[in-house]
Amino acid sequence: QVQLVESGGGLVQAGDSLRLSCAASGRTFSRYAMGWFRQAPGKEREFVAATSRSGTTTYYADSVKGRFTISRDNAKNTVYLQMNSLRPEDTAVYYCAADLTPDWATSRAKYDYNYWGQGTQVTVSS
C-alpha cells in the first residue's frame, strides 16, 4: 500500500504560479504511476496530468498542456505539479493518486488509480 499527502495549494491571482507536492509513504514508490486530478464544485473529478513509474513518460489534459508540468523524484518519494499561468477555471481541489502499473501502462483514467491523497485546495482569483 501507499499513503499520499498533498501540499502546496493556496489562493493566488490569475497568472500566478503554484507548485503542488505529493509525498508518498513506503519503499515502493517507483513501482507506481502517479497522477494529478482535480475536482471543482459540482463537477466530476477530472484528469490533469500523469507520469510513468520512471518519469520518462508524461500526459496532460488539453486544458493544462503548456502551463502545467508533472515531475517526480523517486529518491524522495514525491511527485510535483508545477502550475504556471493559472486561470480562475483552474480553481479546484487537487488530488494526487497512485496506480501500481508497468511503466508502459500509465493511465489517464481515474478509475485505474487505487490510492488517493486527501486533496489540496487551489483557488485562482480573477
Foldseek 3Di string as FASTA:
>chain_A
DKAKAKDWADEEAAQAKTKMKIAIDDLPLLQWKKFKWWDDPPDDIFGAKIAFSVRPDMDGDPVQPPFWDWGDDSVRRMIMIIGGRDDQVVWTWMKMFIARDHRVDIDRDPVRTDYIYPTDTHGYHD
